Protein backbone atom coordinates (compact mmCIF):
# COMPACT_ATOMS: atom_id res chain seq x y z
CA MET A 1 98.26 94.70 121.35
CA GLN A 2 96.74 95.84 118.08
CA LYS A 3 98.40 94.47 114.95
CA ILE A 4 98.34 96.69 111.87
CA GLY A 5 99.50 95.90 108.36
CA ILE A 6 100.93 98.62 106.10
CA LEU A 7 100.58 98.16 102.34
CA GLY A 8 102.12 100.94 100.30
CA GLY A 9 102.07 101.47 96.57
CA THR A 10 101.09 103.73 93.72
CA PHE A 11 97.84 101.77 93.20
CA ASP A 12 97.91 102.82 89.57
CA PRO A 13 95.44 101.20 89.25
CA PRO A 14 94.46 99.18 92.34
CA GLN A 15 93.99 95.57 91.26
CA VAL A 16 92.99 92.21 92.69
CA GLY A 17 96.60 91.35 93.57
CA HIS A 18 96.66 94.20 96.09
CA LEU A 19 93.45 92.96 97.69
CA ILE A 20 94.61 89.33 97.77
CA LEU A 21 97.93 90.35 99.31
CA ALA A 22 96.24 92.45 102.00
CA GLU A 23 93.53 89.93 102.90
CA TYR A 24 95.77 86.86 102.86
CA THR A 25 98.31 88.64 105.07
CA ARG A 26 95.60 89.87 107.42
CA GLU A 27 94.36 86.33 107.88
CA ALA A 28 97.77 84.66 108.10
CA LEU A 29 99.12 87.07 110.74
CA ASN A 30 95.81 87.71 112.49
CA LEU A 31 96.03 91.44 111.82
CA ASP A 32 93.39 93.75 113.21
CA HIS A 33 93.62 96.18 110.33
CA VAL A 34 95.43 96.89 107.06
CA LEU A 35 96.34 100.42 106.04
CA PHE A 36 96.65 101.07 102.32
CA VAL A 37 99.19 103.85 101.87
CA PRO A 38 99.13 105.42 98.40
CA VAL A 39 102.23 107.38 97.51
CA GLY A 40 102.25 110.64 95.65
CA ASP A 41 105.98 110.63 94.93
CA HIS A 42 107.55 107.17 94.80
CA PRO A 43 111.38 107.27 94.75
CA GLN A 44 111.62 104.18 92.52
CA LYS A 45 108.53 104.74 90.35
CA GLN A 46 108.54 108.03 88.50
CA ASN A 47 105.97 107.04 85.87
CA THR A 48 102.60 107.03 87.61
CA ARG A 49 100.02 107.47 84.88
CA GLN A 50 97.05 108.77 86.86
CA PRO A 51 96.96 111.72 89.29
CA ILE A 52 96.35 110.99 92.94
CA ASN A 53 92.68 112.06 92.86
CA HIS A 54 91.85 109.21 90.44
CA ARG A 55 94.06 106.70 92.27
CA LEU A 56 92.49 107.59 95.61
CA LYS A 57 88.96 107.28 94.24
CA MET A 58 89.68 103.87 92.68
CA LEU A 59 91.36 102.61 95.85
CA SER A 60 88.49 103.83 98.02
CA MET A 61 86.02 101.92 95.89
CA ALA A 62 88.20 98.81 95.76
CA ILE A 63 88.41 98.40 99.55
CA ALA A 64 84.98 99.79 100.49
CA ASP A 65 83.43 96.41 101.29
CA ASN A 66 86.15 95.28 103.72
CA PRO A 67 85.87 96.84 107.21
CA ALA A 68 89.42 95.72 108.02
CA PHE A 69 90.84 97.94 105.25
CA SER A 70 91.31 101.70 105.23
CA ILE A 71 93.43 104.34 103.50
CA SER A 72 96.21 106.32 105.18
CA HIS A 73 97.07 109.72 103.68
CA VAL A 74 100.41 109.87 105.46
CA ASP A 75 102.39 110.05 102.21
CA LEU A 76 99.99 112.54 100.63
CA GLU A 77 100.22 115.12 103.39
CA ARG A 78 103.94 115.79 103.13
CA PRO A 79 106.39 116.56 100.31
CA GLY A 80 108.20 113.70 98.62
CA PRO A 81 110.09 111.68 97.78
CA HIS A 82 108.50 109.22 100.20
CA TYR A 83 110.65 106.45 101.62
CA SER A 84 109.20 103.47 103.46
CA ALA A 85 111.36 104.06 106.55
CA ASP A 86 109.85 107.55 106.94
CA THR A 87 106.32 106.31 106.29
CA VAL A 88 106.57 103.62 108.96
CA ALA A 89 108.08 106.07 111.45
CA ILE A 90 105.10 108.40 111.06
CA ILE A 91 102.55 105.58 111.34
CA GLN A 92 104.41 104.33 114.41
CA ARG A 93 103.84 107.72 116.04
CA GLN A 94 100.16 107.57 115.08
CA TYR A 95 99.77 104.07 116.56
CA PRO A 96 102.36 103.97 119.38
CA ASP A 97 100.87 100.87 121.01
CA ALA A 98 100.47 98.81 117.83
CA LEU A 99 102.70 96.13 116.36
CA LEU A 100 103.28 97.13 112.73
CA TYR A 101 103.76 94.81 109.76
CA PHE A 102 105.10 96.19 106.50
CA VAL A 103 103.45 94.09 103.80
CA MET A 104 105.41 93.30 100.64
CA GLY A 105 105.78 90.82 97.82
CA GLY A 106 108.79 88.58 97.37
CA ASP A 107 110.21 90.84 94.67
CA ASN A 108 110.48 93.65 97.20
CA LEU A 109 112.39 91.44 99.61
CA ARG A 110 114.77 90.52 96.82
CA ASN A 111 115.36 94.20 96.02
CA LEU A 112 115.48 95.36 99.63
CA PRO A 113 119.22 96.25 99.66
CA SER A 114 118.47 99.02 97.13
CA TRP A 115 115.96 100.66 99.49
CA ASP A 116 116.73 103.69 101.65
CA ARG A 117 117.56 103.10 105.35
CA VAL A 118 116.56 99.44 105.39
CA ARG A 119 117.72 98.78 108.94
CA ASP A 120 115.68 101.70 110.23
CA LEU A 121 112.64 100.24 108.47
CA TYR A 122 112.78 96.71 109.82
CA GLN A 123 113.69 97.80 113.34
CA ARG A 124 110.42 99.73 113.51
CA CYS A 125 108.17 96.97 112.17
CA ARG A 126 108.07 93.39 111.02
CA LEU A 127 108.26 92.61 107.33
CA ALA A 128 105.35 90.47 106.13
CA VAL A 129 106.59 88.89 102.91
CA MET A 130 104.26 87.07 100.52
CA LYS A 131 106.10 84.14 98.91
CA ARG A 132 104.79 82.52 95.75
CA ALA A 133 105.51 78.89 94.95
CA ASP A 134 107.96 79.81 92.18
CA GLU A 135 109.96 82.41 94.10
CA ASP A 136 113.49 81.73 95.26
CA ILE A 137 113.54 83.88 98.38
CA SER A 138 114.27 83.24 102.04
CA LYS A 139 114.44 85.11 105.33
CA ASP A 140 118.23 85.04 105.38
CA MET A 141 118.91 85.86 101.74
CA HIS A 142 120.51 89.19 102.71
CA ARG A 143 122.33 87.96 105.81
CA ASP A 144 125.69 89.20 104.48
CA ILE A 145 124.34 92.77 104.36
CA PHE A 146 121.79 92.74 107.19
CA PRO A 147 122.76 89.95 109.64
CA ASP A 148 119.67 90.36 111.83
CA LEU A 149 117.08 90.96 109.10
CA HIS A 150 115.77 87.37 109.21
CA GLU A 151 114.60 87.92 112.79
CA HIS A 152 112.18 90.61 111.60
CA ILE A 153 110.54 88.72 108.71
CA ASP A 154 107.31 86.75 108.63
CA MET A 155 107.22 84.68 105.44
CA ILE A 156 103.73 83.88 104.18
CA ASP A 157 103.60 80.98 101.72
CA VAL A 158 100.98 81.20 98.98
CA PRO A 159 101.60 78.07 96.87
CA LEU A 160 98.34 78.45 94.93
CA LEU A 161 99.20 81.96 93.81
CA SER A 162 101.61 81.02 91.04
CA VAL A 163 100.62 83.93 88.81
CA TRP A 164 100.92 87.33 90.43
CA VAL A 165 98.76 90.11 89.04
CA SER A 166 100.64 93.39 88.90
CA SER A 167 99.58 96.95 88.19
CA THR A 168 102.19 96.95 85.42
CA LEU A 169 100.43 94.03 83.73
CA VAL A 170 97.05 95.72 84.13
CA THR A 171 98.36 99.02 82.74
CA GLU A 172 100.06 97.33 79.79
CA ARG A 173 96.83 95.55 78.88
CA LEU A 174 94.86 98.79 79.12
CA LEU A 175 97.35 100.72 77.00
CA SER A 176 97.19 98.02 74.32
CA GLY A 177 93.40 98.03 74.31
CA LYS A 178 93.02 94.64 76.02
CA SER A 179 90.48 93.74 78.69
CA VAL A 180 91.33 93.93 82.39
CA ARG A 181 87.98 92.64 83.59
CA TYR A 182 88.51 90.36 86.62
CA LEU A 183 92.05 91.71 87.04
CA VAL A 184 90.62 94.74 88.85
CA PRO A 185 87.46 95.00 90.97
CA ASP A 186 84.34 95.67 88.92
CA CYS A 187 83.95 99.14 90.44
CA VAL A 188 87.51 100.05 89.40
CA PHE A 189 86.93 98.63 85.90
CA GLU A 190 83.79 100.77 85.55
CA TYR A 191 85.57 103.86 86.89
CA ILE A 192 88.42 103.45 84.40
CA GLU A 193 85.98 103.16 81.51
CA LYS A 194 83.74 106.02 82.68
CA ASN A 195 86.67 108.41 83.12
CA ASN A 196 88.61 107.30 80.02
CA LEU A 197 91.73 106.41 82.00
CA TYR A 198 94.71 104.47 80.62
CA LEU A 199 93.64 105.02 77.03
CA PRO A 200 95.46 102.90 74.42
CA THR A 201 98.51 104.56 72.94
CA SER A 202 98.64 104.88 69.19
């Protein structure tokens, strides 16, 4: 059975943390492929700074050298807001014989009760959760709300990844005129500079 990872996000901009998360999860769970799923209308992030054409171009360049990575347009081909449960349901129909893994960081597991239709989500796929050394999370942390959730989680320990690079950090540095070299792939860094994206605010 094919095993496919699903990594959603605004990718505004795509940065090395996204690539590390996808590759480490692919290796740890022996995934055949990882789908990057950019969202056009994120229900919990209303402040995307770049339009989807720029985000898609940067993401395409960022993953171009990894044959196990590709982009799914599933959330760009339908009106929003886009909820993870709906996204996974559509991908499940596209890959009916695959075992799906929804890839997330530990912060997302912590905030999971605030998501829409959580039970529907984890009954359609497994949750692949990246756990940093300093994170206080566990498979059964939401047992009082979702008693069977722990049975659908694969926890991936990354003790060496004590500092997590986030798009928020990258954007904040760009908007304050600071360097993001090595925080994003070189091709993304060059694209941002060439197209005058994320210009410092006065």
